[in-house]
Amino acid sequence: MQVEKIILGIDPGTTIMGFGLIKVVSGKMELMQLDELILKKYADHYTKLKLIFERTIHLIDTYHPDEIAIEAPFFGKNVQSMLKLGRAQGVAMAAGLTREVPITEYSPKKIKMSITGNGNASKEQVAKMLQNLLQIKELPKNLDATDGLAAAVCHFYNDKKITLNKNYSGWGAYVNQNPKKIT
């Protein structure tokens, strides 16, 4: 029996929203979609938020992801930019929540670490690693799309990790508390 799961990864932004979808079949990833929503041409911030919401809903209704992984806004020096990024992220999350799709947030460092092994990797390094992992023929011009895809791949890699905040007295206790992880 093949187990299938679809993960939507989103890199929220008010200039470009990058996204990628992967299908996981029997523990292996396959690229489904890699694209971006260009928002530069819209001056009105509220229009941008509406378009982010609508595109996210469209992606959910088209591909029916089981889970959404989203990149958390990073702490920058410009407070206004952070607020706009937070709004973009919130709107994408709200779209997922209206369709009852579970959402997991990952920091940019966590995503980079999951993909390249280096939390300080460049966008180009992350894109190249994804290109190799998923046999992407040609990388997009803007790497926001690969950033969205990286969130989905990060979620795939972290989905099977043991939760670190639980204490187990031994293997028996772990097995009893995690029966679905035993095959």
N, C-alpha and C. Protein backbone atom coordinates (compact mmCIF):
# COMPACT_ATOMS: atom_id res chain seq x y z
N MET A 1 0.84 -1.19 0.00
CA MET A 1 0.00 0.00 0.00
C MET A 1 0.88 1.25 0.00
N GLN A 2 0.63 2.17 -0.91
CA GLN A 2 1.39 3.40 -0.97
C GLN A 2 0.68 4.49 -0.19
N VAL A 3 1.43 5.14 0.69
CA VAL A 3 0.88 6.25 1.46
C VAL A 3 1.24 7.53 0.72
N GLU A 4 0.25 8.36 0.50
CA GLU A 4 0.47 9.60 -0.23
C GLU A 4 0.10 10.79 0.63
N LYS A 5 0.95 11.81 0.57
CA LYS A 5 0.68 13.06 1.28
C LYS A 5 1.15 14.20 0.39
N ILE A 6 0.41 15.28 0.38
CA ILE A 6 0.79 16.46 -0.38
C ILE A 6 1.08 17.58 0.61
N ILE A 7 2.23 18.23 0.42
CA ILE A 7 2.64 19.34 1.29
C ILE A 7 2.80 20.60 0.45
N LEU A 8 2.13 21.67 0.86
CA LEU A 8 2.25 22.97 0.24
C LEU A 8 3.21 23.81 1.08
N GLY A 9 4.26 24.31 0.45
CA GLY A 9 5.20 25.19 1.13
C GLY A 9 5.03 26.60 0.62
N ILE A 10 5.04 27.56 1.55
CA ILE A 10 4.82 28.96 1.17
C ILE A 10 5.91 29.85 1.78
N ASP A 11 6.47 30.70 0.94
CA ASP A 11 7.36 31.77 1.38
C ASP A 11 6.56 33.06 1.20
N PRO A 12 5.93 33.56 2.27
CA PRO A 12 5.06 34.72 2.12
C PRO A 12 5.85 35.99 1.86
N GLY A 13 5.30 36.84 1.05
CA GLY A 13 5.93 38.12 0.78
C GLY A 13 4.92 39.05 0.14
N THR A 14 5.15 40.34 0.25
CA THR A 14 4.24 41.30 -0.36
C THR A 14 4.76 41.81 -1.70
N THR A 15 5.95 41.38 -2.07
CA THR A 15 6.48 41.67 -3.39
C THR A 15 6.35 40.43 -4.27
N ILE A 16 6.79 39.29 -3.71
CA ILE A 16 6.66 37.99 -4.38
C ILE A 16 6.32 36.95 -3.31
N MET A 17 5.28 36.17 -3.55
CA MET A 17 4.97 35.03 -2.69
C MET A 17 5.42 33.78 -3.45
N GLY A 18 6.38 33.07 -2.90
CA GLY A 18 6.84 31.85 -3.53
C GLY A 18 6.13 30.65 -2.93
N PHE A 19 5.90 29.64 -3.78
CA PHE A 19 5.27 28.43 -3.26
C PHE A 19 5.72 27.21 -4.05
N GLY A 20 5.67 26.09 -3.37
CA GLY A 20 6.00 24.82 -3.99
C GLY A 20 5.18 23.72 -3.37
N LEU A 21 4.87 22.73 -4.17
CA LEU A 21 4.10 21.58 -3.69
C LEU A 21 4.89 20.32 -3.96
N ILE A 22 4.93 19.45 -2.96
CA ILE A 22 5.54 18.14 -3.15
C ILE A 22 4.52 17.07 -2.79
N LYS A 23 4.66 15.94 -3.47
CA LYS A 23 3.87 14.76 -3.16
C LYS A 23 4.82 13.77 -2.52
N VAL A 24 4.40 13.18 -1.43
CA VAL A 24 5.21 12.17 -0.75
C VAL A 24 4.50 10.83 -0.95
N VAL A 25 5.18 9.92 -1.64
CA VAL A 25 4.64 8.59 -1.88
C VAL A 25 5.64 7.57 -1.35
N SER A 26 5.18 6.76 -0.42
CA SER A 26 6.03 5.74 0.20
C SER A 26 7.35 6.32 0.71
N GLY A 27 7.26 7.50 1.33
CA GLY A 27 8.43 8.12 1.93
C GLY A 27 9.36 8.84 0.98
N LYS A 28 8.98 8.96 -0.31
CA LYS A 28 9.81 9.65 -1.29
C LYS A 28 9.09 10.89 -1.82
N MET A 29 9.88 11.96 -2.00
CA MET A 29 9.32 13.23 -2.48
C MET A 29 9.30 13.30 -4.00
N GLU A 30 8.23 13.92 -4.52
CA GLU A 30 8.13 14.23 -5.94
C GLU A 30 7.67 15.68 -6.06
N LEU A 31 8.30 16.43 -6.96
CA LEU A 31 7.89 17.81 -7.19
C LEU A 31 6.58 17.82 -7.96
N MET A 32 5.62 18.61 -7.48
CA MET A 32 4.35 18.77 -8.17
C MET A 32 4.26 20.14 -8.86
N GLN A 33 4.65 21.18 -8.12
CA GLN A 33 4.47 22.55 -8.61
C GLN A 33 5.50 23.44 -7.95
N LEU A 34 6.01 24.38 -8.72
CA LEU A 34 6.97 25.38 -8.24
C LEU A 34 6.65 26.67 -8.96
N ASP A 35 6.23 27.71 -8.21
CA ASP A 35 5.81 28.94 -8.87
C ASP A 35 5.84 30.09 -7.87
N GLU A 36 5.41 31.24 -8.35
CA GLU A 36 5.38 32.43 -7.51
C GLU A 36 4.22 33.32 -7.93
N LEU A 37 3.81 34.14 -7.00
CA LEU A 37 2.78 35.14 -7.25
C LEU A 37 3.50 36.49 -7.20
N ILE A 38 3.56 37.17 -8.34
CA ILE A 38 4.23 38.47 -8.43
C ILE A 38 3.26 39.57 -8.00
N LEU A 39 3.65 40.33 -6.99
CA LEU A 39 2.78 41.36 -6.43
C LEU A 39 3.36 42.76 -6.57
N LYS A 40 4.51 42.88 -7.19
CA LYS A 40 5.21 44.18 -7.32
C LYS A 40 4.35 45.24 -8.00
N LYS A 41 3.55 44.83 -8.96
CA LYS A 41 2.80 45.80 -9.78
C LYS A 41 1.60 46.41 -9.05
N TYR A 42 1.28 45.90 -7.87
CA TYR A 42 0.15 46.42 -7.12
C TYR A 42 0.65 47.37 -6.03
N ALA A 43 0.19 48.59 -6.06
CA ALA A 43 0.64 49.59 -5.09
C ALA A 43 -0.08 49.44 -3.75
N ASP A 44 -1.32 49.02 -3.81
CA ASP A 44 -2.15 48.92 -2.61
C ASP A 44 -1.85 47.65 -1.83
N HIS A 45 -1.42 47.81 -0.57
CA HIS A 45 -1.07 46.67 0.27
C HIS A 45 -2.26 45.74 0.51
N TYR A 46 -3.44 46.30 0.61
CA TYR A 46 -4.64 45.49 0.86
C TYR A 46 -4.97 44.61 -0.34
N THR A 47 -4.74 45.11 -1.53
CA THR A 47 -4.94 44.31 -2.74
C THR A 47 -3.97 43.14 -2.75
N LYS A 48 -2.73 43.39 -2.35
CA LYS A 48 -1.73 42.32 -2.28
C LYS A 48 -2.17 41.23 -1.31
N LEU A 49 -2.68 41.63 -0.15
CA LEU A 49 -3.13 40.65 0.83
C LEU A 49 -4.30 39.83 0.30
N LYS A 50 -5.21 40.48 -0.39
CA LYS A 50 -6.35 39.79 -1.00
C LYS A 50 -5.86 38.76 -2.02
N LEU A 51 -4.89 39.13 -2.84
CA LEU A 51 -4.35 38.22 -3.86
C LEU A 51 -3.61 37.04 -3.23
N ILE A 52 -2.90 37.28 -2.14
CA ILE A 52 -2.23 36.19 -1.43
C ILE A 52 -3.26 35.19 -0.92
N PHE A 53 -4.32 35.72 -0.31
CA PHE A 53 -5.39 34.87 0.21
C PHE A 53 -6.02 34.05 -0.93
N GLU A 54 -6.38 34.73 -2.01
CA GLU A 54 -7.04 34.05 -3.14
C GLU A 54 -6.14 32.99 -3.78
N ARG A 55 -4.85 33.29 -3.96
CA ARG A 55 -3.96 32.30 -4.58
C ARG A 55 -3.77 31.09 -3.66
N THR A 56 -3.67 31.34 -2.36
CA THR A 56 -3.52 30.23 -1.42
C THR A 56 -4.76 29.35 -1.43
N ILE A 57 -5.93 29.96 -1.43
CA ILE A 57 -7.19 29.19 -1.52
C ILE A 57 -7.22 28.39 -2.82
N HIS A 58 -6.83 29.02 -3.92
CA HIS A 58 -6.81 28.34 -5.21
C HIS A 58 -5.87 27.13 -5.19
N LEU A 59 -4.69 27.28 -4.61
CA LEU A 59 -3.74 26.17 -4.51
C LEU A 59 -4.31 25.03 -3.68
N ILE A 60 -4.95 25.39 -2.58
CA ILE A 60 -5.55 24.36 -1.71
C ILE A 60 -6.69 23.64 -2.43
N ASP A 61 -7.55 24.39 -3.09
CA ASP A 61 -8.68 23.79 -3.78
C ASP A 61 -8.26 22.97 -5.00
N THR A 62 -7.14 23.32 -5.62
CA THR A 62 -6.65 22.61 -6.80
C THR A 62 -5.87 21.34 -6.43
N TYR A 63 -4.95 21.45 -5.46
CA TYR A 63 -4.04 20.35 -5.16
C TYR A 63 -4.39 19.56 -3.90
N HIS A 64 -5.28 20.08 -3.08
CA HIS A 64 -5.74 19.41 -1.86
C HIS A 64 -4.58 18.97 -0.96
N PRO A 65 -3.71 19.91 -0.53
CA PRO A 65 -2.61 19.52 0.33
C PRO A 65 -3.10 19.01 1.67
N ASP A 66 -2.36 18.06 2.21
CA ASP A 66 -2.68 17.52 3.53
C ASP A 66 -2.14 18.43 4.64
N GLU A 67 -1.05 19.15 4.31
CA GLU A 67 -0.41 20.02 5.28
C GLU A 67 0.21 21.22 4.57
N ILE A 68 0.37 22.31 5.32
CA ILE A 68 1.03 23.50 4.80
C ILE A 68 2.22 23.81 5.69
N ALA A 69 3.36 24.10 5.05
CA ALA A 69 4.55 24.55 5.75
C ALA A 69 4.81 25.98 5.29
N ILE A 70 5.02 26.87 6.23
CA ILE A 70 5.18 28.28 5.89
C ILE A 70 6.41 28.85 6.57
N GLU A 71 7.13 29.67 5.82
CA GLU A 71 8.31 30.31 6.39
C GLU A 71 7.88 31.46 7.30
N ALA A 72 8.40 31.46 8.52
CA ALA A 72 8.10 32.52 9.47
C ALA A 72 8.86 33.78 9.09
N PRO A 73 8.29 34.94 9.35
CA PRO A 73 9.03 36.18 9.06
C PRO A 73 10.30 36.25 9.91
N PHE A 74 11.37 36.72 9.30
CA PHE A 74 12.62 36.86 10.05
C PHE A 74 12.66 38.24 10.69
N PHE A 75 13.46 38.36 11.73
CA PHE A 75 13.56 39.63 12.44
C PHE A 75 14.55 40.52 11.71
N GLY A 76 14.03 41.56 11.09
CA GLY A 76 14.87 42.50 10.36
C GLY A 76 14.93 43.84 11.08
N LYS A 77 15.63 44.75 10.47
CA LYS A 77 15.80 46.07 11.06
C LYS A 77 14.60 46.98 10.76
N ASN A 78 13.92 46.74 9.65
CA ASN A 78 12.82 47.60 9.24
C ASN A 78 11.50 47.05 9.79
N VAL A 79 10.96 47.74 10.78
CA VAL A 79 9.74 47.30 11.45
C VAL A 79 8.55 47.27 10.48
N GLN A 80 8.45 48.26 9.59
CA GLN A 80 7.34 48.30 8.64
C GLN A 80 7.37 47.09 7.70
N SER A 81 8.56 46.71 7.25
CA SER A 81 8.69 45.52 6.39
C SER A 81 8.27 44.27 7.13
N MET A 82 8.66 44.17 8.40
CA MET A 82 8.28 43.01 9.20
C MET A 82 6.77 42.93 9.38
N LEU A 83 6.13 44.08 9.62
CA LEU A 83 4.68 44.09 9.77
C LEU A 83 3.99 43.62 8.49
N LYS A 84 4.47 44.10 7.34
CA LYS A 84 3.89 43.69 6.07
C LYS A 84 4.09 42.21 5.83
N LEU A 85 5.28 41.68 6.15
CA LEU A 85 5.54 40.25 6.00
C LEU A 85 4.64 39.43 6.92
N GLY A 86 4.48 39.91 8.14
CA GLY A 86 3.62 39.22 9.09
C GLY A 86 2.17 39.16 8.63
N ARG A 87 1.73 40.25 8.01
CA ARG A 87 0.37 40.27 7.46
C ARG A 87 0.24 39.28 6.31
N ALA A 88 1.24 39.25 5.44
CA ALA A 88 1.21 38.32 4.31
C ALA A 88 1.17 36.88 4.81
N GLN A 89 1.98 36.59 5.81
CA GLN A 89 1.99 35.26 6.39
C GLN A 89 0.64 34.94 7.02
N GLY A 90 0.09 35.89 7.76
CA GLY A 90 -1.20 35.69 8.42
C GLY A 90 -2.32 35.42 7.44
N VAL A 91 -2.31 36.12 6.32
CA VAL A 91 -3.35 35.93 5.30
C VAL A 91 -3.22 34.54 4.68
N ALA A 92 -2.00 34.10 4.38
CA ALA A 92 -1.79 32.75 3.83
C ALA A 92 -2.23 31.70 4.85
N MET A 93 -1.92 31.94 6.12
CA MET A 93 -2.33 31.00 7.17
C MET A 93 -3.86 30.96 7.30
N ALA A 94 -4.48 32.13 7.24
CA ALA A 94 -5.94 32.20 7.33
C ALA A 94 -6.60 31.41 6.20
N ALA A 95 -6.01 31.49 5.00
CA ALA A 95 -6.55 30.73 3.87
C ALA A 95 -6.49 29.23 4.17
N GLY A 96 -5.36 28.78 4.70
CA GLY A 96 -5.23 27.37 5.06
C GLY A 96 -6.20 26.97 6.15
N LEU A 97 -6.36 27.83 7.13
CA LEU A 97 -7.25 27.53 8.24
C LEU A 97 -8.71 27.47 7.79
N THR A 98 -9.10 28.30 6.80
CA THR A 98 -10.49 28.26 6.34
C THR A 98 -10.78 26.94 5.64
N ARG A 99 -9.75 26.29 5.13
CA ARG A 99 -9.92 24.98 4.49
C ARG A 99 -9.50 23.83 5.42
N GLU A 100 -9.23 24.18 6.69
CA GLU A 100 -8.89 23.20 7.73
C GLU A 100 -7.66 22.36 7.38
N VAL A 101 -6.65 23.00 6.81
CA VAL A 101 -5.39 22.33 6.50
C VAL A 101 -4.41 22.66 7.62
N PRO A 102 -3.80 21.64 8.26
CA PRO A 102 -2.84 21.91 9.33
C PRO A 102 -1.64 22.72 8.81
N ILE A 103 -1.18 23.67 9.62
CA ILE A 103 -0.10 24.57 9.24
C ILE A 103 1.05 24.44 10.24
N THR A 104 2.26 24.39 9.71
CA THR A 104 3.46 24.40 10.56
C THR A 104 4.36 25.53 10.07
N GLU A 105 4.89 26.27 11.01
CA GLU A 105 5.77 27.41 10.72
C GLU A 105 7.21 27.00 10.96
N TYR A 106 8.11 27.43 10.08
CA TYR A 106 9.54 27.15 10.25
C TYR A 106 10.32 28.44 10.08
N SER A 107 11.33 28.62 10.90
CA SER A 107 12.19 29.80 10.76
C SER A 107 13.05 29.63 9.51
N PRO A 108 13.50 30.75 8.93
CA PRO A 108 14.38 30.64 7.76
C PRO A 108 15.63 29.81 8.05
N LYS A 109 16.20 29.95 9.25
CA LYS A 109 17.40 29.17 9.60
C LYS A 109 17.09 27.68 9.64
N LYS A 110 15.95 27.32 10.19
CA LYS A 110 15.55 25.90 10.28
C LYS A 110 15.37 25.32 8.88
N ILE A 111 14.77 26.08 7.99
CA ILE A 111 14.56 25.61 6.62
C ILE A 111 15.90 25.40 5.93
N LYS A 112 16.78 26.39 6.03
CA LYS A 112 18.10 26.29 5.39
C LYS A 112 18.89 25.12 5.97
N MET A 113 18.82 24.94 7.28
CA MET A 113 19.53 23.84 7.94
C MET A 113 18.99 22.49 7.45
N SER A 114 17.69 22.37 7.31
CA SER A 114 17.08 21.12 6.85
C SER A 114 17.48 20.76 5.42
N ILE A 115 17.61 21.77 4.57
CA ILE A 115 17.90 21.53 3.16
C ILE A 115 19.39 21.38 2.90
N THR A 116 20.21 22.26 3.47
CA THR A 116 21.64 22.28 3.14
C THR A 116 22.55 21.80 4.26
N GLY A 117 22.03 21.74 5.48
CA GLY A 117 22.88 21.42 6.62
C GLY A 117 23.56 22.65 7.20
N ASN A 118 23.24 23.83 6.64
CA ASN A 118 23.84 25.08 7.08
C ASN A 118 22.73 26.12 7.25
N GLY A 119 22.48 26.55 8.47
CA GLY A 119 21.43 27.52 8.74
C GLY A 119 21.68 28.90 8.17
N ASN A 120 22.91 29.15 7.71
CA ASN A 120 23.26 30.44 7.12
C ASN A 120 23.46 30.34 5.61
N ALA A 121 22.95 29.29 5.00
CA ALA A 121 23.11 29.09 3.55
C ALA A 121 22.42 30.21 2.78
N SER A 122 22.91 30.48 1.58
CA SER A 122 22.30 31.50 0.72
C SER A 122 21.09 30.91 0.01
N LYS A 123 20.26 31.80 -0.54
CA LYS A 123 19.10 31.37 -1.34
C LYS A 123 19.57 30.48 -2.50
N GLU A 124 20.71 30.85 -3.09
CA GLU A 124 21.24 30.10 -4.24
C GLU A 124 21.65 28.68 -3.82
N GLN A 125 22.26 28.54 -2.64
CA GLN A 125 22.66 27.21 -2.16
C GLN A 125 21.42 26.34 -1.91
N VAL A 126 20.40 26.93 -1.31
CA VAL A 126 19.16 26.19 -1.05
C VAL A 126 18.54 25.76 -2.38
N ALA A 127 18.48 26.67 -3.35
CA ALA A 127 17.89 26.37 -4.65
C ALA A 127 18.64 25.25 -5.36
N LYS A 128 19.96 25.29 -5.33
CA LYS A 128 20.78 24.25 -5.98
C LYS A 128 20.57 22.89 -5.33
N MET A 129 20.47 22.87 -4.02
CA MET A 129 20.25 21.61 -3.31
C MET A 129 18.88 21.04 -3.68
N LEU A 130 17.87 21.90 -3.75
CA LEU A 130 16.53 21.45 -4.14
C LEU A 130 16.53 20.96 -5.59
N GLN A 131 17.28 21.64 -6.44
CA GLN A 131 17.38 21.23 -7.84
C GLN A 131 17.92 19.80 -7.94
N ASN A 132 18.92 19.51 -7.13
CA ASN A 132 19.50 18.16 -7.12
C ASN A 132 18.54 17.14 -6.49
N LEU A 133 17.93 17.50 -5.38
CA LEU A 133 17.04 16.57 -4.67
C LEU A 133 15.82 16.17 -5.50
N LEU A 134 15.24 17.15 -6.20
CA LEU A 134 13.96 16.93 -6.88
C LEU A 134 14.08 16.94 -8.40
N GLN A 135 15.31 16.87 -8.91
CA GLN A 135 15.56 16.84 -10.36
C GLN A 135 14.83 17.97 -11.10
N ILE A 136 14.99 19.19 -10.59
CA ILE A 136 14.39 20.35 -11.23
C ILE A 136 15.28 20.73 -12.41
N LYS A 137 14.71 20.72 -13.61
CA LYS A 137 15.51 21.00 -14.82
C LYS A 137 16.05 22.42 -14.84
N GLU A 138 15.18 23.39 -14.58
CA GLU A 138 15.60 24.79 -14.63
C GLU A 138 15.05 25.53 -13.42
N LEU A 139 15.93 26.24 -12.72
CA LEU A 139 15.49 27.02 -11.57
C LEU A 139 14.79 28.29 -12.03
N PRO A 140 13.80 28.76 -11.27
CA PRO A 140 13.12 30.00 -11.62
C PRO A 140 14.05 31.20 -11.47
N LYS A 141 13.70 32.27 -12.16
CA LYS A 141 14.50 33.50 -12.11
C LYS A 141 14.53 34.05 -10.68
N ASN A 142 13.37 34.16 -10.07
CA ASN A 142 13.29 34.60 -8.68
C ASN A 142 13.34 33.36 -7.79
N LEU A 143 14.13 33.43 -6.74
CA LEU A 143 14.29 32.26 -5.88
C LEU A 143 13.26 32.21 -4.74
N ASP A 144 12.25 33.07 -4.81
CA ASP A 144 11.17 33.01 -3.82
C ASP A 144 10.39 31.70 -3.98
N ALA A 145 10.26 31.23 -5.21
CA ALA A 145 9.56 29.97 -5.47
C ALA A 145 10.30 28.81 -4.81
N THR A 146 11.63 28.79 -4.94
CA THR A 146 12.39 27.70 -4.30
C THR A 146 12.38 27.84 -2.78
N ASP A 147 12.24 29.08 -2.28
CA ASP A 147 12.11 29.25 -0.83
C ASP A 147 10.80 28.63 -0.33
N GLY A 148 9.73 28.79 -1.09
CA GLY A 148 8.46 28.16 -0.73
C GLY A 148 8.58 26.64 -0.78
N LEU A 149 9.21 26.14 -1.83
CA LEU A 149 9.44 24.70 -1.96
C LEU A 149 10.30 24.18 -0.81
N ALA A 150 11.29 24.98 -0.41
CA ALA A 150 12.17 24.58 0.70
C ALA A 150 11.38 24.40 1.99
N ALA A 151 10.35 25.22 2.22
CA ALA A 151 9.52 25.07 3.41
C ALA A 151 8.81 23.72 3.39
N ALA A 152 8.31 23.31 2.22
CA ALA A 152 7.63 22.01 2.09
C ALA A 152 8.61 20.86 2.33
N VAL A 153 9.80 20.95 1.76
CA VAL A 153 10.81 19.89 1.92
C VAL A 153 11.29 19.84 3.38
N CYS A 154 11.46 20.99 4.00
CA CYS A 154 11.82 21.05 5.41
C CYS A 154 10.76 20.32 6.25
N HIS A 155 9.51 20.55 5.94
CA HIS A 155 8.41 19.90 6.67
C HIS A 155 8.47 18.38 6.47
N PHE A 156 8.75 17.96 5.26
CA PHE A 156 8.89 16.52 4.99
C PHE A 156 10.00 15.93 5.86
N TYR A 157 11.16 16.59 5.91
CA TYR A 157 12.29 16.09 6.69
C TYR A 157 12.01 16.11 8.19
N ASN A 158 11.23 17.06 8.65
CA ASN A 158 10.99 17.20 10.09
C ASN A 158 9.73 16.48 10.56
N ASP A 159 8.96 15.95 9.63
CA ASP A 159 7.71 15.26 9.96
C ASP A 159 7.93 14.01 10.80
N LYS A 160 9.03 13.33 10.57
CA LYS A 160 9.27 12.05 11.25
C LYS A 160 10.21 12.16 12.44
N LYS A 161 10.57 13.39 12.80
CA LYS A 161 11.51 13.57 13.91
C LYS A 161 10.83 13.26 15.24
N ILE A 162 11.62 12.77 16.15
CA ILE A 162 11.14 12.53 17.51
C ILE A 162 11.01 13.87 18.20
N THR A 163 9.91 14.09 18.88
CA THR A 163 9.70 15.33 19.61
C THR A 163 10.68 15.38 20.77
N LEU A 164 11.43 16.46 20.85
CA LEU A 164 12.49 16.55 21.86
C LEU A 164 11.99 16.94 23.23
N ASN A 165 10.81 17.49 23.33
CA ASN A 165 10.36 17.95 24.64
C ASN A 165 9.66 16.86 25.46
N LYS A 166 9.63 15.63 24.96
CA LYS A 166 9.05 14.54 25.72
C LYS A 166 10.18 13.76 26.38
N ASN A 167 9.93 13.29 27.59
CA ASN A 167 10.91 12.46 28.29
C ASN A 167 10.42 11.02 28.29
N TYR A 168 11.31 10.12 27.93
CA TYR A 168 10.98 8.70 27.91
C TYR A 168 11.91 7.98 28.87
N SER A 169 11.37 7.03 29.60
CA SER A 169 12.20 6.27 30.55
C SER A 169 12.93 5.13 29.85
N GLY A 170 12.59 4.86 28.61
CA GLY A 170 13.25 3.80 27.85
C GLY A 170 12.50 3.56 26.55
N TRP A 171 12.99 2.58 25.77
CA TRP A 171 12.37 2.28 24.48
C TRP A 171 10.93 1.83 24.63
N GLY A 172 10.63 1.11 25.68
CA GLY A 172 9.26 0.65 25.91
C GLY A 172 8.29 1.82 26.07
N ALA A 173 8.71 2.83 26.83
CA ALA A 173 7.87 4.02 27.03
C ALA A 173 7.70 4.77 25.71
N TYR A 174 8.77 4.87 24.92
CA TYR A 174 8.69 5.55 23.63
C TYR A 174 7.70 4.82 22.71
N VAL A 175 7.80 3.49 22.63
CA VAL A 175 6.91 2.70 21.78
C VAL A 175 5.46 2.85 22.23
N ASN A 176 5.23 2.82 23.53
CA ASN A 176 3.86 2.96 24.05
C ASN A 176 3.26 4.32 23.73
N GLN A 177 4.09 5.37 23.74
CA GLN A 177 3.58 6.72 23.49
C GLN A 177 3.56 7.11 22.01
N ASN A 178 4.19 6.29 21.15
CA ASN A 178 4.29 6.60 19.72
C ASN A 178 4.00 5.37 18.86
N PRO A 179 2.84 4.73 19.02
CA PRO A 179 2.57 3.49 18.28
C PRO A 179 2.56 3.67 16.76
N LYS A 180 2.21 4.88 16.26
CA LYS A 180 2.15 5.10 14.81
C LYS A 180 3.53 5.19 14.18
N LYS A 181 4.56 5.39 14.99
CA LYS A 181 5.92 5.51 14.45
C LYS A 181 6.62 4.16 14.31
N ILE A 182 5.99 3.13 14.79
CA ILE A 182 6.57 1.79 14.73
C ILE A 182 5.95 1.03 13.55
N THR A 183 6.84 0.52 12.68
CA THR A 183 6.35 -0.24 11.52
C THR A 183 6.76 -1.68 11.59
